[in-house]
Amino acid sequence: MGNSSRFKNWKYPKIKEGKPTKYNWVVQHKKNLKLGFKTDIGAFTYINAKNGVIIEDFVQIGSHCAIYSISTIDGKDGEVLLKKNCKVGSHSVVMPGVTIGENAVIGAMSFVNCDIPDNVVAVGVPAKELLNQYDNINL
């Protein structure tokens, strides 16, 4: 991603409370969102930052994702942390209090309701570790 021309002229997006950005993603409680450098958030993603959402540098979030720091269904709440260079696949949901580790990859359509360690690929409903990026894999 470091050489990608896509991010050559990257600028922090203008975020208005509850209104779509020019990239068509929405944030509620924007004052509690910390957005890192050269992040990439896909269209139609929803972020509820009531209890804090931290998205570190170089994080990529696919389209149609949802990130919740509070759940009105079960009353859970907690800060969400997406660590540097992690990737969240399209149509995934991240629940309150979750940390996704540095360089971790979440597969598309996953439901993340527990912490995901650094350098791990996790997929599913709920998301489970599929492999560690440092495992020996014979493909």
N, C-alpha and C. Protein backbone atom coordinates (compact mmCIF):
# COMPACT_ATOMS: atom_id res chain seq x y z
N MET A 1 0.82 -1.19 0.00
CA MET A 1 0.00 0.00 0.00
C MET A 1 0.86 1.26 0.00
N GLY A 2 2.10 1.16 0.49
CA GLY A 2 2.96 2.32 0.59
C GLY A 2 3.21 3.01 -0.74
N ASN A 3 3.24 2.27 -1.84
CA ASN A 3 3.51 2.84 -3.16
C ASN A 3 2.25 3.17 -3.94
N SER A 4 1.11 2.98 -3.35
CA SER A 4 -0.14 3.15 -4.07
C SER A 4 -0.41 4.61 -4.41
N SER A 5 -0.65 4.87 -5.69
CA SER A 5 -0.98 6.23 -6.10
C SER A 5 -2.34 6.65 -5.56
N ARG A 6 -3.15 5.66 -5.17
CA ARG A 6 -4.47 5.96 -4.62
C ARG A 6 -4.37 6.88 -3.40
N PHE A 7 -3.29 6.75 -2.63
CA PHE A 7 -3.15 7.52 -1.41
C PHE A 7 -2.15 8.67 -1.53
N LYS A 8 -1.67 8.91 -2.72
CA LYS A 8 -0.65 9.95 -2.92
C LYS A 8 -1.12 11.30 -2.41
N ASN A 9 -2.33 11.67 -2.69
CA ASN A 9 -2.86 12.97 -2.27
C ASN A 9 -3.91 12.83 -1.18
N TRP A 10 -3.79 11.80 -0.35
CA TRP A 10 -4.77 11.53 0.71
C TRP A 10 -4.89 12.72 1.65
N LYS A 11 -6.12 13.03 2.03
CA LYS A 11 -6.41 14.09 3.01
C LYS A 11 -7.45 13.56 3.98
N TYR A 12 -7.41 14.09 5.21
CA TYR A 12 -8.45 13.71 6.17
C TYR A 12 -9.81 14.12 5.62
N PRO A 13 -10.78 13.23 5.68
CA PRO A 13 -12.11 13.57 5.15
C PRO A 13 -12.83 14.54 6.08
N LYS A 14 -13.71 15.33 5.49
CA LYS A 14 -14.57 16.20 6.30
C LYS A 14 -15.72 15.34 6.80
N ILE A 15 -15.88 15.32 8.12
CA ILE A 15 -16.92 14.49 8.73
C ILE A 15 -17.93 15.39 9.41
N LYS A 16 -19.19 15.26 9.02
CA LYS A 16 -20.29 15.98 9.66
C LYS A 16 -21.14 14.96 10.40
N GLU A 17 -21.56 15.32 11.59
CA GLU A 17 -22.34 14.43 12.46
C GLU A 17 -23.53 13.82 11.72
N GLY A 18 -23.53 12.49 11.59
CA GLY A 18 -24.66 11.77 11.03
C GLY A 18 -24.91 11.98 9.54
N LYS A 19 -23.97 12.64 8.86
CA LYS A 19 -24.13 12.90 7.42
C LYS A 19 -23.08 12.13 6.63
N PRO A 20 -23.42 11.65 5.46
CA PRO A 20 -22.43 10.92 4.66
C PRO A 20 -21.24 11.81 4.27
N THR A 21 -20.04 11.24 4.34
CA THR A 21 -18.87 11.94 3.83
C THR A 21 -18.95 11.92 2.30
N LYS A 22 -17.99 12.55 1.66
CA LYS A 22 -18.00 12.50 0.19
C LYS A 22 -17.73 11.09 -0.32
N TYR A 23 -17.28 10.22 0.58
CA TYR A 23 -17.05 8.81 0.23
C TYR A 23 -18.23 7.92 0.66
N ASN A 24 -19.29 8.55 1.14
CA ASN A 24 -20.55 7.88 1.51
C ASN A 24 -20.44 6.93 2.69
N TRP A 25 -19.67 7.30 3.72
CA TRP A 25 -19.73 6.59 4.99
C TRP A 25 -20.14 7.59 6.06
N VAL A 26 -20.72 7.08 7.14
CA VAL A 26 -21.38 7.93 8.14
C VAL A 26 -20.82 7.66 9.53
N VAL A 27 -20.70 8.72 10.32
CA VAL A 27 -20.26 8.61 11.72
C VAL A 27 -21.27 9.28 12.62
N GLN A 28 -21.63 8.58 13.70
CA GLN A 28 -22.37 9.21 14.79
C GLN A 28 -21.39 9.39 15.94
N HIS A 29 -21.54 10.51 16.68
CA HIS A 29 -20.65 10.86 17.80
C HIS A 29 -19.22 11.07 17.29
N LYS A 30 -19.11 11.91 16.25
CA LYS A 30 -17.82 12.11 15.57
C LYS A 30 -16.73 12.61 16.49
N LYS A 31 -17.09 13.30 17.57
CA LYS A 31 -16.07 13.81 18.49
C LYS A 31 -15.30 12.68 19.18
N ASN A 32 -15.86 11.48 19.17
CA ASN A 32 -15.22 10.32 19.80
C ASN A 32 -14.53 9.40 18.80
N LEU A 33 -14.39 9.87 17.56
CA LEU A 33 -13.69 9.11 16.52
C LEU A 33 -12.29 9.67 16.34
N LYS A 34 -11.28 8.80 16.43
CA LYS A 34 -9.90 9.19 16.13
C LYS A 34 -9.52 8.44 14.86
N LEU A 35 -9.25 9.20 13.82
CA LEU A 35 -9.00 8.63 12.50
C LEU A 35 -7.54 8.81 12.13
N GLY A 36 -6.86 7.70 11.85
CA GLY A 36 -5.44 7.73 11.51
C GLY A 36 -5.18 8.19 10.09
N PHE A 37 -3.89 8.29 9.78
CA PHE A 37 -3.38 8.75 8.50
C PHE A 37 -3.58 7.67 7.43
N LYS A 38 -3.98 8.09 6.26
CA LYS A 38 -4.16 7.22 5.09
C LYS A 38 -5.06 6.02 5.37
N THR A 39 -6.15 6.29 6.07
CA THR A 39 -7.17 5.26 6.26
C THR A 39 -8.04 5.20 5.01
N ASP A 40 -8.67 4.07 4.81
CA ASP A 40 -9.53 3.87 3.65
C ASP A 40 -10.82 3.22 4.13
N ILE A 41 -11.89 3.98 4.12
CA ILE A 41 -13.19 3.48 4.60
C ILE A 41 -14.14 3.43 3.42
N GLY A 42 -14.70 2.25 3.18
CA GLY A 42 -15.56 2.03 2.03
C GLY A 42 -16.93 2.67 2.17
N ALA A 43 -17.57 2.84 1.03
CA ALA A 43 -18.90 3.44 0.97
C ALA A 43 -19.90 2.65 1.79
N PHE A 44 -20.85 3.37 2.34
CA PHE A 44 -21.99 2.82 3.08
C PHE A 44 -21.58 2.13 4.38
N THR A 45 -20.42 2.49 4.90
CA THR A 45 -20.00 2.01 6.22
C THR A 45 -20.55 2.95 7.27
N TYR A 46 -20.97 2.36 8.41
CA TYR A 46 -21.55 3.11 9.54
C TYR A 46 -20.64 2.94 10.75
N ILE A 47 -20.31 4.06 11.40
CA ILE A 47 -19.48 4.03 12.61
C ILE A 47 -20.23 4.75 13.73
N ASN A 48 -20.51 4.01 14.82
CA ASN A 48 -21.09 4.62 16.01
C ASN A 48 -19.97 4.73 17.03
N ALA A 49 -19.49 5.95 17.26
CA ALA A 49 -18.32 6.19 18.11
C ALA A 49 -18.70 6.71 19.50
N LYS A 50 -19.90 6.44 19.96
CA LYS A 50 -20.36 6.99 21.25
C LYS A 50 -19.35 6.75 22.37
N ASN A 51 -18.80 5.55 22.46
CA ASN A 51 -17.84 5.21 23.51
C ASN A 51 -16.41 5.15 22.99
N GLY A 52 -16.18 5.71 21.84
CA GLY A 52 -14.84 5.81 21.27
C GLY A 52 -14.54 4.77 20.22
N VAL A 53 -14.07 5.23 19.08
CA VAL A 53 -13.55 4.37 18.02
C VAL A 53 -12.22 4.98 17.58
N ILE A 54 -11.18 4.17 17.66
CA ILE A 54 -9.85 4.59 17.22
C ILE A 54 -9.47 3.75 16.01
N ILE A 55 -9.22 4.44 14.91
CA ILE A 55 -8.80 3.78 13.67
C ILE A 55 -7.40 4.30 13.38
N GLU A 56 -6.41 3.43 13.55
CA GLU A 56 -5.02 3.85 13.40
C GLU A 56 -4.62 3.99 11.93
N ASP A 57 -3.38 4.37 11.70
CA ASP A 57 -2.85 4.63 10.36
C ASP A 57 -2.95 3.40 9.45
N PHE A 58 -3.23 3.66 8.19
CA PHE A 58 -3.22 2.68 7.10
C PHE A 58 -4.26 1.57 7.23
N VAL A 59 -5.29 1.79 8.03
CA VAL A 59 -6.37 0.81 8.17
C VAL A 59 -7.28 0.88 6.94
N GLN A 60 -7.73 -0.28 6.49
CA GLN A 60 -8.68 -0.35 5.38
C GLN A 60 -9.95 -1.04 5.87
N ILE A 61 -11.09 -0.41 5.58
CA ILE A 61 -12.40 -0.95 5.95
C ILE A 61 -13.21 -1.02 4.67
N GLY A 62 -13.73 -2.20 4.37
CA GLY A 62 -14.50 -2.39 3.15
C GLY A 62 -15.85 -1.68 3.20
N SER A 63 -16.55 -1.73 2.10
CA SER A 63 -17.87 -1.09 2.02
C SER A 63 -18.89 -1.85 2.86
N HIS A 64 -19.94 -1.16 3.23
CA HIS A 64 -21.09 -1.74 3.92
C HIS A 64 -20.74 -2.37 5.27
N CYS A 65 -19.72 -1.87 5.94
CA CYS A 65 -19.37 -2.39 7.27
C CYS A 65 -20.08 -1.58 8.34
N ALA A 66 -20.12 -2.12 9.56
CA ALA A 66 -20.67 -1.41 10.71
C ALA A 66 -19.72 -1.59 11.88
N ILE A 67 -19.41 -0.48 12.55
CA ILE A 67 -18.54 -0.50 13.72
C ILE A 67 -19.31 0.16 14.86
N TYR A 68 -19.53 -0.60 15.93
CA TYR A 68 -20.34 -0.13 17.05
C TYR A 68 -19.52 -0.06 18.32
N SER A 69 -19.56 1.09 19.01
CA SER A 69 -18.97 1.18 20.35
C SER A 69 -20.06 1.05 21.41
N ILE A 70 -21.29 0.87 20.97
CA ILE A 70 -22.42 0.61 21.87
C ILE A 70 -23.43 -0.24 21.13
N SER A 71 -24.05 -1.16 21.86
CA SER A 71 -25.10 -2.00 21.28
C SER A 71 -26.38 -1.77 22.07
N THR A 72 -27.41 -1.33 21.39
CA THR A 72 -28.68 -1.09 22.07
C THR A 72 -29.45 -2.37 22.32
N ILE A 73 -29.09 -3.45 21.66
CA ILE A 73 -29.80 -4.72 21.84
C ILE A 73 -29.42 -5.40 23.15
N ASP A 74 -28.10 -5.53 23.39
CA ASP A 74 -27.68 -6.22 24.61
C ASP A 74 -27.03 -5.30 25.64
N GLY A 75 -26.97 -4.01 25.36
CA GLY A 75 -26.44 -3.04 26.31
C GLY A 75 -24.93 -3.03 26.45
N LYS A 76 -24.21 -3.77 25.62
CA LYS A 76 -22.75 -3.77 25.70
C LYS A 76 -22.22 -2.46 25.15
N ASP A 77 -21.11 -2.00 25.74
CA ASP A 77 -20.45 -0.82 25.20
C ASP A 77 -18.96 -0.93 25.46
N GLY A 78 -18.19 -0.16 24.75
CA GLY A 78 -16.75 -0.15 24.92
C GLY A 78 -16.05 0.39 23.69
N GLU A 79 -14.89 0.97 23.93
CA GLU A 79 -14.09 1.53 22.85
C GLU A 79 -13.67 0.45 21.86
N VAL A 80 -13.69 0.80 20.59
CA VAL A 80 -13.24 -0.09 19.52
C VAL A 80 -11.89 0.44 19.02
N LEU A 81 -10.94 -0.47 18.87
CA LEU A 81 -9.61 -0.10 18.39
C LEU A 81 -9.25 -0.95 17.17
N LEU A 82 -9.02 -0.29 16.06
CA LEU A 82 -8.53 -0.95 14.85
C LEU A 82 -7.07 -0.53 14.70
N LYS A 83 -6.17 -1.46 14.97
CA LYS A 83 -4.74 -1.14 14.99
C LYS A 83 -4.16 -0.99 13.59
N LYS A 84 -2.98 -0.39 13.57
CA LYS A 84 -2.29 -0.03 12.33
C LYS A 84 -2.28 -1.17 11.31
N ASN A 85 -2.65 -0.79 10.09
CA ASN A 85 -2.56 -1.66 8.91
C ASN A 85 -3.49 -2.87 8.94
N CYS A 86 -4.50 -2.86 9.81
CA CYS A 86 -5.46 -3.98 9.75
C CYS A 86 -6.45 -3.73 8.62
N LYS A 87 -7.13 -4.80 8.23
CA LYS A 87 -8.08 -4.72 7.13
C LYS A 87 -9.37 -5.43 7.54
N VAL A 88 -10.50 -4.77 7.28
CA VAL A 88 -11.81 -5.32 7.61
C VAL A 88 -12.57 -5.49 6.30
N GLY A 89 -12.93 -6.73 5.98
CA GLY A 89 -13.59 -7.03 4.71
C GLY A 89 -15.00 -6.48 4.63
N SER A 90 -15.46 -6.31 3.43
CA SER A 90 -16.78 -5.76 3.13
C SER A 90 -17.90 -6.50 3.88
N HIS A 91 -18.90 -5.75 4.29
CA HIS A 91 -20.10 -6.25 4.97
C HIS A 91 -19.81 -6.88 6.34
N SER A 92 -18.70 -6.53 6.96
CA SER A 92 -18.39 -7.06 8.29
C SER A 92 -18.94 -6.14 9.38
N VAL A 93 -19.12 -6.71 10.57
CA VAL A 93 -19.61 -5.96 11.74
C VAL A 93 -18.60 -6.12 12.86
N VAL A 94 -18.24 -5.00 13.48
CA VAL A 94 -17.33 -4.99 14.64
C VAL A 94 -18.13 -4.48 15.83
N MET A 95 -18.17 -5.27 16.89
CA MET A 95 -19.00 -4.97 18.06
C MET A 95 -18.21 -4.19 19.13
N PRO A 96 -18.92 -3.65 20.14
CA PRO A 96 -18.28 -2.83 21.17
C PRO A 96 -17.16 -3.54 21.91
N GLY A 97 -16.13 -2.76 22.26
CA GLY A 97 -15.05 -3.25 23.09
C GLY A 97 -14.01 -4.09 22.38
N VAL A 98 -14.12 -4.23 21.07
CA VAL A 98 -13.23 -5.11 20.30
C VAL A 98 -11.96 -4.36 19.87
N THR A 99 -10.84 -5.07 19.93
CA THR A 99 -9.58 -4.61 19.34
C THR A 99 -9.21 -5.57 18.22
N ILE A 100 -8.94 -5.01 17.05
CA ILE A 100 -8.43 -5.80 15.93
C ILE A 100 -6.95 -5.46 15.80
N GLY A 101 -6.11 -6.48 15.87
CA GLY A 101 -4.67 -6.29 15.96
C GLY A 101 -4.00 -5.74 14.72
N GLU A 102 -2.78 -5.29 14.93
CA GLU A 102 -1.96 -4.76 13.84
C GLU A 102 -1.76 -5.83 12.77
N ASN A 103 -1.93 -5.43 11.53
CA ASN A 103 -1.79 -6.30 10.34
C ASN A 103 -2.81 -7.43 10.27
N ALA A 104 -3.80 -7.45 11.14
CA ALA A 104 -4.83 -8.49 11.09
C ALA A 104 -5.73 -8.26 9.88
N VAL A 105 -6.31 -9.34 9.39
CA VAL A 105 -7.24 -9.27 8.26
C VAL A 105 -8.53 -9.97 8.67
N ILE A 106 -9.65 -9.26 8.51
CA ILE A 106 -10.97 -9.81 8.80
C ILE A 106 -11.64 -10.10 7.46
N GLY A 107 -12.06 -11.34 7.25
CA GLY A 107 -12.70 -11.72 6.00
C GLY A 107 -14.05 -11.05 5.83
N ALA A 108 -14.48 -10.92 4.60
CA ALA A 108 -15.77 -10.31 4.28
C ALA A 108 -16.90 -11.02 5.00
N MET A 109 -17.91 -10.26 5.37
CA MET A 109 -19.14 -10.75 6.01
C MET A 109 -18.89 -11.41 7.37
N SER A 110 -17.86 -10.97 8.07
CA SER A 110 -17.57 -11.52 9.39
C SER A 110 -18.23 -10.71 10.49
N PHE A 111 -18.48 -11.36 11.63
CA PHE A 111 -19.05 -10.74 12.82
C PHE A 111 -18.00 -10.82 13.91
N VAL A 112 -17.40 -9.67 14.24
CA VAL A 112 -16.28 -9.63 15.18
C VAL A 112 -16.79 -9.19 16.54
N ASN A 113 -16.86 -10.13 17.49
CA ASN A 113 -17.35 -9.81 18.83
C ASN A 113 -16.32 -10.12 19.92
N CYS A 114 -15.07 -10.39 19.51
CA CYS A 114 -13.98 -10.58 20.47
C CYS A 114 -12.70 -10.05 19.83
N ASP A 115 -11.69 -9.84 20.67
CA ASP A 115 -10.42 -9.30 20.18
C ASP A 115 -9.77 -10.26 19.18
N ILE A 116 -9.13 -9.67 18.19
CA ILE A 116 -8.39 -10.42 17.18
C ILE A 116 -6.92 -10.02 17.31
N PRO A 117 -6.02 -11.00 17.51
CA PRO A 117 -4.60 -10.67 17.72
C PRO A 117 -3.93 -10.07 16.48
N ASP A 118 -2.73 -9.53 16.68
CA ASP A 118 -1.90 -9.04 15.58
C ASP A 118 -1.61 -10.18 14.60
N ASN A 119 -1.47 -9.83 13.33
CA ASN A 119 -0.97 -10.73 12.28
C ASN A 119 -1.81 -11.98 12.06
N VAL A 120 -3.11 -11.87 12.27
CA VAL A 120 -4.00 -13.02 12.16
C VAL A 120 -5.03 -12.77 11.06
N VAL A 121 -5.42 -13.82 10.38
CA VAL A 121 -6.56 -13.77 9.46
C VAL A 121 -7.72 -14.42 10.20
N ALA A 122 -8.84 -13.70 10.32
CA ALA A 122 -10.02 -14.21 11.02
C ALA A 122 -11.24 -14.05 10.12
N VAL A 123 -12.12 -15.05 10.15
CA VAL A 123 -13.32 -15.03 9.31
C VAL A 123 -14.48 -15.67 10.06
N GLY A 124 -15.69 -15.35 9.62
CA GLY A 124 -16.85 -16.09 10.08
C GLY A 124 -17.79 -15.34 11.00
N VAL A 125 -18.84 -16.06 11.41
CA VAL A 125 -19.88 -15.56 12.30
C VAL A 125 -20.01 -16.55 13.44
N PRO A 126 -19.42 -16.27 14.59
CA PRO A 126 -18.53 -15.14 14.87
C PRO A 126 -17.15 -15.36 14.26
N ALA A 127 -16.39 -14.28 14.14
CA ALA A 127 -15.05 -14.37 13.54
C ALA A 127 -14.13 -15.22 14.41
N LYS A 128 -13.45 -16.14 13.76
CA LYS A 128 -12.48 -17.02 14.42
C LYS A 128 -11.17 -16.97 13.64
N GLU A 129 -10.07 -17.18 14.37
CA GLU A 129 -8.76 -17.18 13.74
C GLU A 129 -8.66 -18.32 12.73
N LEU A 130 -8.35 -17.97 11.50
CA LEU A 130 -8.17 -18.96 10.44
C LEU A 130 -6.69 -19.35 10.35
N LEU A 131 -5.83 -18.33 10.37
CA LEU A 131 -4.40 -18.59 10.35
C LEU A 131 -3.65 -17.37 10.82
N ASN A 132 -2.44 -17.64 11.30
CA ASN A 132 -1.52 -16.58 11.66
C ASN A 132 -0.66 -16.32 10.43
N GLN A 133 -0.45 -15.06 10.12
CA GLN A 133 0.29 -14.72 8.91
C GLN A 133 1.72 -15.24 8.92
N TYR A 134 2.20 -15.68 10.07
CA TYR A 134 3.56 -16.21 10.16
C TYR A 134 3.60 -17.73 10.19
N ASP A 135 2.44 -18.39 10.09
CA ASP A 135 2.41 -19.84 10.01
C ASP A 135 3.02 -20.29 8.68
N ASN A 136 3.63 -21.46 8.68
CA ASN A 136 4.11 -22.03 7.42
C ASN A 136 2.92 -22.59 6.67
N ILE A 137 2.73 -22.10 5.47
CA ILE A 137 1.59 -22.54 4.67
C ILE A 137 2.12 -23.10 3.36
N ASN A 138 1.70 -24.30 3.05
CA ASN A 138 2.06 -24.91 1.76
C ASN A 138 0.87 -24.79 0.83
N LEU A 139 0.97 -23.87 -0.09
CA LEU A 139 -0.13 -23.67 -1.03
C LEU A 139 0.17 -24.33 -2.35
